Amino acid sequence: MKLNSNHAVAEEVIVESGRTWNQWLDELKSDKFKDLNCGEVEDILVHEYQLDRDWAAKITARFASTD
């Protein structure tokens, strides 16, 4: 699924995380994240994927809004 997003924000997520929104959404659909709450997903993004807490929260919130 492709999401329409503000171009500047879409570019920002690539710069900050090295992935596009769609790549993050695909990753968060994997079994690794199945049945986790938003806080748990955010923690994994911070600790295992080395994301800034703010970006982890943005990506998690974006994913949660697609359900």
N, C-alpha and C. Protein backbone atom coordinates (compact mmCIF):
# COMPACT_ATOMS: atom_id res chain seq x y z
N MET A 1 0.84 -1.17 0.00
CA MET A 1 0.00 0.00 0.00
C MET A 1 0.89 1.24 0.00
N LYS A 2 0.67 2.12 -0.91
CA LYS A 2 1.41 3.37 -0.95
C LYS A 2 0.61 4.43 -0.21
N LEU A 3 1.30 5.22 0.56
CA LEU A 3 0.65 6.29 1.31
C LEU A 3 0.99 7.63 0.68
N ASN A 4 0.01 8.48 0.60
CA ASN A 4 0.27 9.84 0.17
C ASN A 4 0.77 10.59 1.40
N SER A 5 1.92 11.18 1.29
CA SER A 5 2.44 11.92 2.42
C SER A 5 3.12 13.18 1.92
N ASN A 6 3.23 14.12 2.80
CA ASN A 6 3.92 15.36 2.49
C ASN A 6 5.33 15.03 2.03
N HIS A 7 5.72 15.57 0.90
CA HIS A 7 7.02 15.25 0.29
C HIS A 7 8.18 15.54 1.25
N ALA A 8 8.14 16.67 1.93
CA ALA A 8 9.24 17.03 2.83
C ALA A 8 9.35 16.03 3.97
N VAL A 9 8.22 15.62 4.53
CA VAL A 9 8.23 14.65 5.63
C VAL A 9 8.70 13.29 5.12
N ALA A 10 8.28 12.91 3.93
CA ALA A 10 8.70 11.64 3.34
C ALA A 10 10.22 11.63 3.16
N GLU A 11 10.78 12.74 2.71
CA GLU A 11 12.23 12.82 2.56
C GLU A 11 12.93 12.81 3.91
N GLU A 12 12.33 13.47 4.89
CA GLU A 12 12.89 13.51 6.24
C GLU A 12 13.01 12.12 6.84
N VAL A 13 11.98 11.31 6.68
CA VAL A 13 12.02 9.97 7.26
C VAL A 13 13.13 9.14 6.63
N ILE A 14 13.38 9.34 5.35
CA ILE A 14 14.49 8.63 4.69
C ILE A 14 15.82 9.08 5.27
N VAL A 15 16.00 10.38 5.41
CA VAL A 15 17.26 10.92 5.93
C VAL A 15 17.47 10.45 7.37
N GLU A 16 16.45 10.51 8.18
CA GLU A 16 16.57 10.17 9.60
C GLU A 16 16.67 8.68 9.87
N SER A 17 16.04 7.86 9.03
CA SER A 17 15.97 6.43 9.33
C SER A 17 16.59 5.52 8.28
N GLY A 18 16.84 6.06 7.10
CA GLY A 18 17.40 5.24 6.03
C GLY A 18 16.36 4.40 5.29
N ARG A 19 15.10 4.59 5.61
CA ARG A 19 14.02 3.84 4.96
C ARG A 19 12.87 4.78 4.60
N THR A 20 12.09 4.35 3.63
CA THR A 20 10.88 5.11 3.26
C THR A 20 9.75 4.71 4.20
N TRP A 21 8.65 5.48 4.15
CA TRP A 21 7.45 5.11 4.93
C TRP A 21 7.01 3.70 4.57
N ASN A 22 6.94 3.41 3.29
CA ASN A 22 6.46 2.09 2.87
C ASN A 22 7.38 0.97 3.33
N GLN A 23 8.67 1.20 3.35
CA GLN A 23 9.60 0.20 3.87
C GLN A 23 9.36 -0.03 5.36
N TRP A 24 9.13 1.05 6.10
CA TRP A 24 8.84 0.90 7.53
C TRP A 24 7.53 0.16 7.74
N LEU A 25 6.52 0.51 6.97
CA LEU A 25 5.23 -0.17 7.14
C LEU A 25 5.36 -1.66 6.84
N ASP A 26 6.10 -2.01 5.81
CA ASP A 26 6.33 -3.42 5.51
C ASP A 26 7.07 -4.12 6.66
N GLU A 27 8.08 -3.45 7.20
CA GLU A 27 8.84 -4.02 8.32
C GLU A 27 7.94 -4.25 9.53
N LEU A 28 7.09 -3.27 9.83
CA LEU A 28 6.25 -3.37 11.03
C LEU A 28 5.11 -4.37 10.86
N LYS A 29 4.86 -4.81 9.65
CA LYS A 29 3.86 -5.86 9.41
C LYS A 29 4.45 -7.26 9.63
N SER A 30 5.77 -7.34 9.81
CA SER A 30 6.42 -8.64 9.97
C SER A 30 6.05 -9.29 11.30
N ASP A 31 6.30 -10.58 11.38
CA ASP A 31 5.98 -11.35 12.59
C ASP A 31 6.66 -10.80 13.84
N LYS A 32 7.81 -10.20 13.67
CA LYS A 32 8.55 -9.65 14.81
C LYS A 32 7.72 -8.66 15.61
N PHE A 33 6.86 -7.92 14.93
CA PHE A 33 6.09 -6.86 15.57
C PHE A 33 4.64 -7.26 15.85
N LYS A 34 4.28 -8.46 15.43
CA LYS A 34 2.92 -8.93 15.60
C LYS A 34 2.58 -8.97 17.10
N ASP A 35 1.42 -8.49 17.43
CA ASP A 35 0.88 -8.53 18.80
C ASP A 35 1.61 -7.63 19.79
N LEU A 36 2.45 -6.72 19.33
CA LEU A 36 3.09 -5.77 20.24
C LEU A 36 2.28 -4.49 20.30
N ASN A 37 2.30 -3.84 21.45
CA ASN A 37 1.63 -2.54 21.54
C ASN A 37 2.57 -1.46 21.02
N CYS A 38 2.05 -0.26 20.88
CA CYS A 38 2.84 0.84 20.30
C CYS A 38 4.11 1.13 21.10
N GLY A 39 4.02 1.08 22.41
CA GLY A 39 5.19 1.34 23.24
C GLY A 39 6.28 0.30 23.02
N GLU A 40 5.89 -0.94 22.88
CA GLU A 40 6.86 -2.01 22.64
C GLU A 40 7.51 -1.87 21.26
N VAL A 41 6.71 -1.51 20.26
CA VAL A 41 7.25 -1.30 18.92
C VAL A 41 8.24 -0.14 18.94
N GLU A 42 7.84 0.93 19.58
CA GLU A 42 8.70 2.11 19.68
C GLU A 42 10.03 1.76 20.35
N ASP A 43 9.99 1.00 21.44
CA ASP A 43 11.21 0.59 22.13
C ASP A 43 12.13 -0.23 21.22
N ILE A 44 11.57 -1.13 20.45
CA ILE A 44 12.37 -1.94 19.53
C ILE A 44 13.03 -1.04 18.48
N LEU A 45 12.26 -0.09 17.95
CA LEU A 45 12.83 0.81 16.95
C LEU A 45 13.98 1.63 17.52
N VAL A 46 13.87 2.02 18.77
CA VAL A 46 14.93 2.79 19.42
C VAL A 46 16.15 1.91 19.71
N HIS A 47 15.92 0.78 20.33
CA HIS A 47 17.04 -0.03 20.82
C HIS A 47 17.66 -0.94 19.76
N GLU A 48 16.85 -1.52 18.90
CA GLU A 48 17.39 -2.45 17.90
C GLU A 48 17.68 -1.80 16.55
N TYR A 49 16.91 -0.77 16.22
CA TYR A 49 17.09 -0.10 14.93
C TYR A 49 17.81 1.24 15.07
N GLN A 50 18.16 1.59 16.30
CA GLN A 50 18.94 2.80 16.59
C GLN A 50 18.28 4.10 16.13
N LEU A 51 16.94 4.14 16.21
CA LEU A 51 16.24 5.37 15.84
C LEU A 51 16.12 6.30 17.04
N ASP A 52 16.08 7.56 16.75
CA ASP A 52 15.74 8.58 17.74
C ASP A 52 14.32 8.29 18.25
N ARG A 53 14.08 8.55 19.52
CA ARG A 53 12.76 8.27 20.12
C ARG A 53 11.65 9.00 19.37
N ASP A 54 11.87 10.24 18.97
CA ASP A 54 10.83 10.99 18.26
C ASP A 54 10.47 10.34 16.93
N TRP A 55 11.50 9.88 16.19
CA TRP A 55 11.22 9.22 14.91
C TRP A 55 10.57 7.86 15.12
N ALA A 56 10.98 7.16 16.15
CA ALA A 56 10.34 5.88 16.46
C ALA A 56 8.86 6.09 16.76
N ALA A 57 8.55 7.15 17.48
CA ALA A 57 7.15 7.47 17.80
C ALA A 57 6.37 7.84 16.54
N LYS A 58 6.97 8.64 15.66
CA LYS A 58 6.30 9.03 14.41
C LYS A 58 6.02 7.82 13.53
N ILE A 59 7.00 6.95 13.40
CA ILE A 59 6.84 5.78 12.55
C ILE A 59 5.80 4.83 13.15
N THR A 60 5.85 4.64 14.46
CA THR A 60 4.88 3.77 15.14
C THR A 60 3.46 4.33 15.00
N ALA A 61 3.31 5.63 15.20
CA ALA A 61 1.98 6.25 15.08
C ALA A 61 1.46 6.15 13.65
N ARG A 62 2.32 6.34 12.69
CA ARG A 62 1.92 6.23 11.28
C ARG A 62 1.45 4.81 10.98
N PHE A 63 2.19 3.83 11.50
CA PHE A 63 1.81 2.43 11.29
C PHE A 63 0.47 2.12 11.97
N ALA A 64 0.32 2.59 13.20
CA ALA A 64 -0.93 2.33 13.94
C ALA A 64 -2.14 2.95 13.23
N SER A 65 -1.93 4.04 12.53
CA SER A 65 -3.04 4.70 11.85
C SER A 65 -3.45 4.00 10.56
N THR A 66 -2.67 3.02 10.11
CA THR A 66 -3.00 2.31 8.88
C THR A 66 -3.87 1.09 9.11
N ASP A 67 -4.06 0.73 10.38
CA ASP A 67 -4.88 -0.46 10.69
C ASP A 67 -6.34 -0.20 10.47
